[in-house]
C-alpha atoms as a PDB file:
ATOM      1  CA  MET A   1     194.259 -72.257  31.689  1.00  0.00           C
ATOM      2  CA  LYS A   2     197.282 -71.314  29.445  1.00  0.00           C
ATOM      3  CA  LEU A   3     200.411 -72.495  30.851  1.00  0.00           C
ATOM      4  CA  MET A   4     204.148 -73.006  29.870  1.00  0.00           C
ATOM      5  CA  PHE A   5     206.825 -75.134  31.793  1.00  0.00           C
ATOM      6  CA  LEU A   6     210.513 -74.184  31.900  1.00  0.00           C
ATOM      7  CA  GLY A   7     213.341 -75.974  33.472  1.00  0.00           C
ATOM      8  CA  PRO A   8     216.635 -77.603  32.565  1.00  0.00           C
ATOM      9  CA  PRO A   9     217.030 -81.120  31.084  1.00  0.00           C
ATOM     10  CA  GLY A  10     216.254 -83.639  33.596  1.00  0.00           C
ATOM     11  CA  ALA A  11     214.179 -81.344  35.767  1.00  0.00           C
ATOM     12  CA  GLY A  12     211.118 -83.451  35.339  1.00  0.00           C
ATOM     13  CA  LYS A  13     209.175 -81.079  33.072  1.00  0.00           C
ATOM     14  CA  GLY A  14     207.558 -84.095  30.882  1.00  0.00           C
ATOM     15  CA  THR A  15     206.340 -85.984  34.149  1.00  0.00           C
ATOM     16  CA  GLN A  16     204.952 -82.942  35.699  1.00  0.00           C
ATOM     17  CA  ALA A  17     203.275 -81.684  32.507  1.00  0.00           C
ATOM     18  CA  LYS A  18     201.515 -84.872  32.089  1.00  0.00           C
ATOM     19  CA  MET A  19     200.171 -84.869  35.653  1.00  0.00           C
ATOM     20  CA  THR A  20     199.187 -81.285  35.395  1.00  0.00           C
ATOM     21  CA  CYS A  21     197.328 -81.738  32.078  1.00  0.00           C
ATOM     22  CA  GLU A  22     195.435 -84.596  33.667  1.00  0.00           C
ATOM     23  CA  ARG A  23     194.379 -82.702  36.707  1.00  0.00           C
ATOM     24  CA  TYR A  24     193.282 -79.495  34.850  1.00  0.00           C
ATOM     25  CA  GLY A  25     191.933 -81.065  31.705  1.00  0.00           C
ATOM     26  CA  ILE A  26     194.132 -79.126  29.275  1.00  0.00           C
ATOM     27  CA  ALA A  27     196.034 -80.128  26.110  1.00  0.00           C
ATOM     28  CA  HIS A  28     199.777 -80.983  26.453  1.00  0.00           C
ATOM     29  CA  ILE A  29     201.644 -79.435  23.611  1.00  0.00           C
ATOM     30  CA  SER A  30     205.093 -80.928  23.101  1.00  0.00           C
ATOM     31  CA  THR A  31     207.526 -79.582  20.439  1.00  0.00           C
ATOM     32  CA  GLY A  32     208.467 -83.134  19.478  1.00  0.00           C
ATOM     33  CA  ASP A  33     204.813 -84.593  19.437  1.00  0.00           C
ATOM     34  CA  MET A  34     203.737 -81.442  17.365  1.00  0.00           C
ATOM     35  CA  LEU A  35     206.606 -81.899  14.824  1.00  0.00           C
ATOM     36  CA  ARG A  36     205.848 -85.614  14.440  1.00  0.00           C
ATOM     37  CA  ALA A  37     202.141 -84.957  13.900  1.00  0.00           C
ATOM     38  CA  GLU A  38     202.933 -82.338  11.148  1.00  0.00           C
ATOM     39  CA  ILE A  39     205.419 -84.714   9.424  1.00  0.00           C
ATOM     40  CA  LYS A  40     202.944 -87.610   9.493  1.00  0.00           C
ATOM     41  CA  SER A  41     200.095 -85.459   8.165  1.00  0.00           C
ATOM     42  CA  GLY A  42     202.297 -84.539   5.310  1.00  0.00           C
ATOM     43  CA  SER A  43     201.220 -80.714   5.639  1.00  0.00           C
ATOM     44  CA  GLU A  44     203.316 -77.960   3.974  1.00  0.00           C
ATOM     45  CA  LEU A  45     204.741 -77.256   7.385  1.00  0.00           C
ATOM     46  CA  GLY A  46     205.486 -80.835   8.025  1.00  0.00           C
ATOM     47  CA  LEU A  47     207.247 -81.207   4.726  1.00  0.00           C
ATOM     48  CA  LYS A  48     209.445 -78.207   5.417  1.00  0.00           C
ATOM     49  CA  ALA A  49     210.279 -79.413   8.800  1.00  0.00           C
ATOM     50  CA  LYS A  50     211.095 -83.012   7.624  1.00  0.00           C
ATOM     51  CA  ALA A  51     213.507 -81.561   4.952  1.00  0.00           C
ATOM     52  CA  VAL A  52     215.372 -79.520   7.556  1.00  0.00           C
ATOM     53  CA  ILE A  53     215.567 -82.499   9.938  1.00  0.00           C
ATOM     54  CA  ASP A  54     216.709 -84.848   7.312  1.00  0.00           C
ATOM     55  CA  ALA A  55     219.556 -82.439   6.627  1.00  0.00           C
ATOM     56  CA  GLY A  56     220.575 -82.575  10.208  1.00  0.00           C
ATOM     57  CA  GLU A  57     219.710 -78.877  10.986  1.00  0.00           C
ATOM     58  CA  LEU A  58     217.510 -77.326  13.581  1.00  0.00           C
ATOM     59  CA  VAL A  59     213.903 -76.432  12.620  1.00  0.00           C
ATOM     60  CA  SER A  60     213.653 -72.709  12.283  1.00  0.00           C
ATOM     61  CA  ASP A  61     211.771 -70.338  14.668  1.00  0.00           C
ATOM     62  CA  GLU A  62     209.407 -69.411  11.895  1.00  0.00           C
ATOM     63  CA  ILE A  63     208.376 -73.106  11.320  1.00  0.00           C
ATOM     64  CA  ILE A  64     207.974 -73.844  14.996  1.00  0.00           C
ATOM     65  CA  VAL A  65     205.970 -70.684  15.764  1.00  0.00           C
ATOM     66  CA  ALA A  66     203.663 -71.478  12.780  1.00  0.00           C
ATOM     67  CA  MET A  67     203.075 -75.073  13.982  1.00  0.00           C
ATOM     68  CA  VAL A  68     202.226 -73.902  17.484  1.00  0.00           C
ATOM     69  CA  GLU A  69     199.699 -71.401  15.974  1.00  0.00           C
ATOM     70  CA  ASN A  70     198.045 -74.217  14.077  1.00  0.00           C
ATOM     71  CA  ARG A  71     198.183 -76.529  17.028  1.00  0.00           C
ATOM     72  CA  LEU A  72     196.295 -74.015  19.403  1.00  0.00           C
ATOM     73  CA  LYS A  73     193.465 -73.647  16.748  1.00  0.00           C
ATOM     74  CA  GLN A  74     192.437 -77.407  17.443  1.00  0.00           C
ATOM     75  CA  ASP A  75     189.463 -78.331  19.574  1.00  0.00           C
ATOM     76  CA  ASP A  76     191.424 -79.934  22.589  1.00  0.00           C
ATOM     77  CA  CYS A  77     192.936 -76.439  23.269  1.00  0.00           C
ATOM     78  CA  LYS A  78     189.662 -74.699  23.968  1.00  0.00           C
ATOM     79  CA  ASN A  79     189.873 -75.458  27.725  1.00  0.00           C
ATOM     80  CA  GLY A  80     193.481 -74.461  27.858  1.00  0.00           C
ATOM     81  CA  PHE A  81     196.921 -75.846  27.150  1.00  0.00           C
ATOM     82  CA  LEU A  82     200.479 -76.488  28.331  1.00  0.00           C
ATOM     83  CA  LEU A  83     203.349 -75.559  26.391  1.00  0.00           C
ATOM     84  CA  ASP A  84     206.300 -78.036  26.894  1.00  0.00           C
ATOM     85  CA  GLY A  85     209.575 -77.287  25.072  1.00  0.00           C
ATOM     86  CA  VAL A  86     208.271 -74.232  23.070  1.00  0.00           C
ATOM     87  CA  PRO A  87     209.125 -71.348  23.055  1.00  0.00           C
ATOM     88  CA  ARG A  88     212.773 -72.197  23.386  1.00  0.00           C
ATOM     89  CA  THR A  89     214.227 -68.841  22.372  1.00  0.00           C
ATOM     90  CA  LEU A  90     213.446 -65.081  23.062  1.00  0.00           C
ATOM     91  CA  ALA A  91     212.747 -64.840  19.277  1.00  0.00           C
ATOM     92  CA  GLN A  92     210.046 -67.669  19.466  1.00  0.00           C
ATOM     93  CA  ALA A  93     208.581 -65.983  22.564  1.00  0.00           C
ATOM     94  CA  GLY A  94     208.310 -62.617  20.891  1.00  0.00           C
ATOM     95  CA  ALA A  95     206.656 -64.051  17.730  1.00  0.00           C
ATOM     96  CA  MET A  96     204.054 -66.131  19.695  1.00  0.00           C
ATOM     97  CA  GLU A  97     202.943 -62.941  21.638  1.00  0.00           C
ATOM     98  CA  ALA A  98     200.800 -62.281  18.591  1.00  0.00           C
ATOM     99  CA  PHE A  99     198.499 -65.189  19.414  1.00  0.00           C
ATOM    100  CA  VAL A 100     199.330 -66.462  22.904  1.00  0.00           C
ATOM    101  CA  LYS A 101     198.711 -64.798  26.250  1.00  0.00           C
ATOM    102  CA  LEU A 102     199.908 -67.062  28.994  1.00  0.00           C
ATOM    103  CA  ASP A 103     198.437 -67.218  32.442  1.00  0.00           C
ATOM    104  CA  ALA A 104     201.478 -68.525  34.221  1.00  0.00           C
ATOM    105  CA  VAL A 105     204.967 -69.894  33.473  1.00  0.00           C
ATOM    106  CA  ILE A 106     206.195 -72.854  35.811  1.00  0.00           C
ATOM    107  CA  ASP A 107     209.945 -72.694  36.210  1.00  0.00           C
ATOM    108  CA  ILE A 108     211.114 -75.888  37.750  1.00  0.00           C
ATOM    109  CA  GLU A 109     214.460 -75.205  39.351  1.00  0.00           C
ATOM    110  CA  VAL A 110     217.060 -77.852  39.867  1.00  0.00           C
ATOM    111  CA  PRO A 111     220.934 -77.216  40.471  1.00  0.00           C
ATOM    112  CA  SER A 112     223.229 -78.523  37.699  1.00  0.00           C
ATOM    113  CA  GLU A 113     225.047 -81.034  39.929  1.00  0.00           C
ATOM    114  CA  PHE A 114     221.662 -82.571  41.041  1.00  0.00           C
ATOM    115  CA  LEU A 115     220.576 -82.847  37.290  1.00  0.00           C
ATOM    116  CA  VAL A 116     223.893 -84.672  36.370  1.00  0.00           C
ATOM    117  CA  ASP A 117     223.332 -87.278  39.048  1.00  0.00           C
ATOM    118  CA  ARG A 118     219.637 -87.675  38.282  1.00  0.00           C
ATOM    119  CA  ILE A 119     220.153 -88.200  34.591  1.00  0.00           C
ATOM    120  CA  CYS A 120     223.264 -90.365  34.609  1.00  0.00           C
ATOM    121  CA  THR A 121     221.518 -92.853  36.984  1.00  0.00           C
ATOM    122  CA  ARG A 122     218.278 -92.810  34.975  1.00  0.00           C
ATOM    123  CA  ARG A 123     217.192 -96.051  33.202  1.00  0.00           C
ATOM    124  CA  VAL A 124     214.396 -96.128  30.626  1.00  0.00           C
ATOM    125  CA  CYS A 125     212.078 -99.094  29.632  1.00  0.00           C
ATOM    126  CA  VAL A 126     212.615-100.049  25.923  1.00  0.00           C
ATOM    127  CA  ALA A 127     208.887-101.050  25.621  1.00  0.00           C
ATOM    128  CA  CYS A 128     206.720 -98.438  27.574  1.00  0.00           C
ATOM    129  CA  GLY A 129     209.207 -95.526  28.144  1.00  0.00           C
ATOM    130  CA  ALA A 130     208.913 -95.630  31.916  1.00  0.00           C
ATOM    131  CA  THR A 131     211.885 -94.056  33.659  1.00  0.00           C
ATOM    132  CA  TYR A 132     213.569 -95.223  36.959  1.00  0.00           C
ATOM    133  CA  SER A 133     216.568 -94.286  39.017  1.00  0.00           C
ATOM    134  CA  VAL A 134     219.201 -97.049  39.766  1.00  0.00           C
ATOM    135  CA  LYS A 135     219.135 -95.656  43.288  1.00  0.00           C
ATOM    136  CA  THR A 136     215.547 -96.852  43.905  1.00  0.00           C
ATOM    137  CA  LEU A 137     215.043 -99.547  41.235  1.00  0.00           C
ATOM    138  CA  LYS A 138     214.022-102.838  42.455  1.00  0.00           C
ATOM    139  CA  GLY A 139     215.630-105.516  40.140  1.00  0.00           C
ATOM    140  CA  THR A 140     216.741-104.965  36.610  1.00  0.00           C
ATOM    141  CA  ALA A 141     213.537-105.041  34.739  1.00  0.00           C
ATOM    142  CA  CYS A 142     210.619-102.463  34.078  1.00  0.00           C
ATOM    143  CA  GLU A 143     208.338-102.682  37.074  1.00  0.00           C
ATOM    144  CA  ALA A 144     205.361-101.536  34.930  1.00  0.00           C
ATOM    145  CA  CYS A 145     205.743-104.133  32.064  1.00  0.00           C
ATOM    146  CA  GLY A 146     208.778-106.366  32.786  1.00  0.00           C
ATOM    147  CA  ALA A 147     210.739-105.211  29.669  1.00  0.00           C
ATOM    148  CA  GLU A 148     214.384-104.451  29.452  1.00  0.00           C
ATOM    149  CA  LEU A 149     215.791-101.139  30.907  1.00  0.00           C
ATOM    150  CA  ILE A 150     218.514 -99.290  29.210  1.00  0.00           C
ATOM    151  CA  GLN A 151     220.637 -96.193  29.693  1.00  0.00           C
ATOM    152  CA  ARG A 152     220.082 -93.715  27.001  1.00  0.00           C
ATOM    153  CA  PRO A 153     223.202 -93.034  24.892  1.00  0.00           C
ATOM    154  CA  ASP A 154     223.067 -89.201  25.650  1.00  0.00           C
ATOM    155  CA  ASP A 155     222.607 -89.736  29.467  1.00  0.00           C
ATOM    156  CA  THR A 156     226.315 -89.318  30.092  1.00  0.00           C
ATOM    157  CA  GLU A 157     227.939 -86.593  32.194  1.00  0.00           C
ATOM    158  CA  GLU A 158     229.616 -84.893  29.235  1.00  0.00           C
ATOM    159  CA  THR A 159     226.291 -84.818  27.263  1.00  0.00           C
ATOM    160  CA  VAL A 160     224.266 -83.630  30.296  1.00  0.00           C
ATOM    161  CA  LEU A 161     226.626 -80.787  31.034  1.00  0.00           C
ATOM    162  CA  ASN A 162     226.488 -79.734  27.288  1.00  0.00           C
ATOM    163  CA  ARG A 163     222.632 -79.812  27.283  1.00  0.00           C
ATOM    164  CA  ILE A 164     222.558 -77.705  30.450  1.00  0.00           C
ATOM    165  CA  ALA A 165     224.965 -75.178  28.944  1.00  0.00           C
ATOM    166  CA  VAL A 166     222.783 -74.896  25.842  1.00  0.00           C
ATOM    167  CA  TYR A 167     219.724 -74.447  27.939  1.00  0.00           C
ATOM    168  CA  ASP A 168     221.321 -71.677  30.186  1.00  0.00           C
ATOM    169  CA  ALA A 169     222.286 -69.898  26.938  1.00  0.00           C
ATOM    170  CA  GLN A 170     219.296 -70.062  24.837  1.00  0.00           C
ATOM    171  CA  THR A 171     216.355 -70.831  27.042  1.00  0.00           C
ATOM    172  CA  LYS A 172     216.937 -69.605  30.492  1.00  0.00           C
ATOM    173  CA  PRO A 173     216.667 -66.022  29.400  1.00  0.00           C
ATOM    174  CA  LEU A 174     212.978 -66.754  28.903  1.00  0.00           C
ATOM    175  CA  VAL A 175     212.687 -66.829  32.618  1.00  0.00           C
ATOM    176  CA  GLU A 176     213.507 -63.213  32.961  1.00  0.00           C
ATOM    177  CA  TYR A 177     211.286 -62.492  29.939  1.00  0.00           C
ATOM    178  CA  TYR A 178     208.308 -63.743  31.595  1.00  0.00           C
ATOM    179  CA  LYS A 179     209.267 -62.684  34.979  1.00  0.00           C
ATOM    180  CA  ASN A 180     208.901 -59.060  33.668  1.00  0.00           C
ATOM    181  CA  LYS A 181     205.427 -59.921  32.698  1.00  0.00           C
ATOM    182  CA  GLY A 182     204.761 -61.048  36.430  1.00  0.00           C
ATOM    183  CA  ILE A 183     203.659 -64.580  35.548  1.00  0.00           C
ATOM    184  CA  VAL A 184     206.527 -66.798  36.559  1.00  0.00           C
ATOM    185  CA  LYS A 185     206.035 -69.258  39.423  1.00  0.00           C
ATOM    186  CA  TYR A 186     209.270 -70.731  40.873  1.00  0.00           C
ATOM    187  CA  ILE A 187     209.135 -74.513  41.935  1.00  0.00           C
ATOM    188  CA  ASP A 188     211.840 -76.423  43.708  1.00  0.00           C
ATOM    189  CA  GLY A 189     212.328 -79.589  41.439  1.00  0.00           C
ATOM    190  CA  THR A 190     214.653 -81.483  43.744  1.00  0.00           C
ATOM    191  CA  GLY A 191     211.934 -83.353  45.780  1.00  0.00           C
ATOM    192  CA  GLU A 192     209.904 -86.387  45.242  1.00  0.00           C
ATOM    193  CA  ILE A 193     207.638 -86.274  41.956  1.00  0.00           C
ATOM    194  CA  SER A 194     204.415 -85.980  44.088  1.00  0.00           C
ATOM    195  CA  ALA A 195     205.909 -83.282  46.228  1.00  0.00           C
ATOM    196  CA  VAL A 196     206.953 -81.166  43.330  1.00  0.00           C
ATOM    197  CA  PHE A 197     203.510 -81.736  41.689  1.00  0.00           C
ATOM    198  CA  GLY A 198     201.792 -80.688  44.871  1.00  0.00           C
ATOM    199  CA  ASP A 199     203.708 -77.331  44.813  1.00  0.00           C
ATOM    200  CA  ILE A 200     202.846 -76.745  41.188  1.00  0.00           C
ATOM    201  CA  ALA A 201     199.041 -77.523  41.938  1.00  0.00           C
ATOM    202  CA  LYS A 202     199.169 -75.054  44.858  1.00  0.00           C
ATOM    203  CA  GLU A 203     200.372 -72.273  42.518  1.00  0.00           C
ATOM    204  CA  LEU A 204     197.913 -73.074  39.625  1.00  0.00           C
ATOM    205  CA  ASP A 205     194.921 -73.406  41.993  1.00  0.00           C
ATOM    206  CA  LYS A 206     195.455 -69.660  42.773  1.00  0.00           C
ATOM    207  CA  LEU A 207     194.903 -68.695  39.109  1.00  0.00           C
END
């Protein structure tokens, strides 16, 4: 099973991706994890990426695509994989066509006003990374490990709206790109985590 998740910031892609990979026994391929692994290994691609990041610039499509191609050759991808955060642009998607044929693209849809509220009320554990909403949180500490909860510096309305605008301009066109290939599955991401996952599983079980 070869999948890709799309959705705006705060749509819950990371949480749903983790649950999906566990259910179907496939590899979770996150851009951030992939970049960190390449940099840590000291590979040629990793050194190039580090130089770009250290200069405060965005890693090029060429480097990202090459990293994905390398990553998909690893053993844990033999049973399938889920792409999370890549491709981000039409240029990346076009380049990846040479070595990736996706079975489905899950588009998690959440209205902008819902995202702003969800992200601005989000609190994150400094120790284990668990996330909570202040609307449902019991107490002020992490319910999983008891550590301190913080609000991320970029979880403000202004920053969230900017991130959504960037997503709409650069990444949302991918929905149309994959829709034309007939592989997009639309999921309502406004519900509870378990309900959203149930809808995703219903679609994937049909593949």
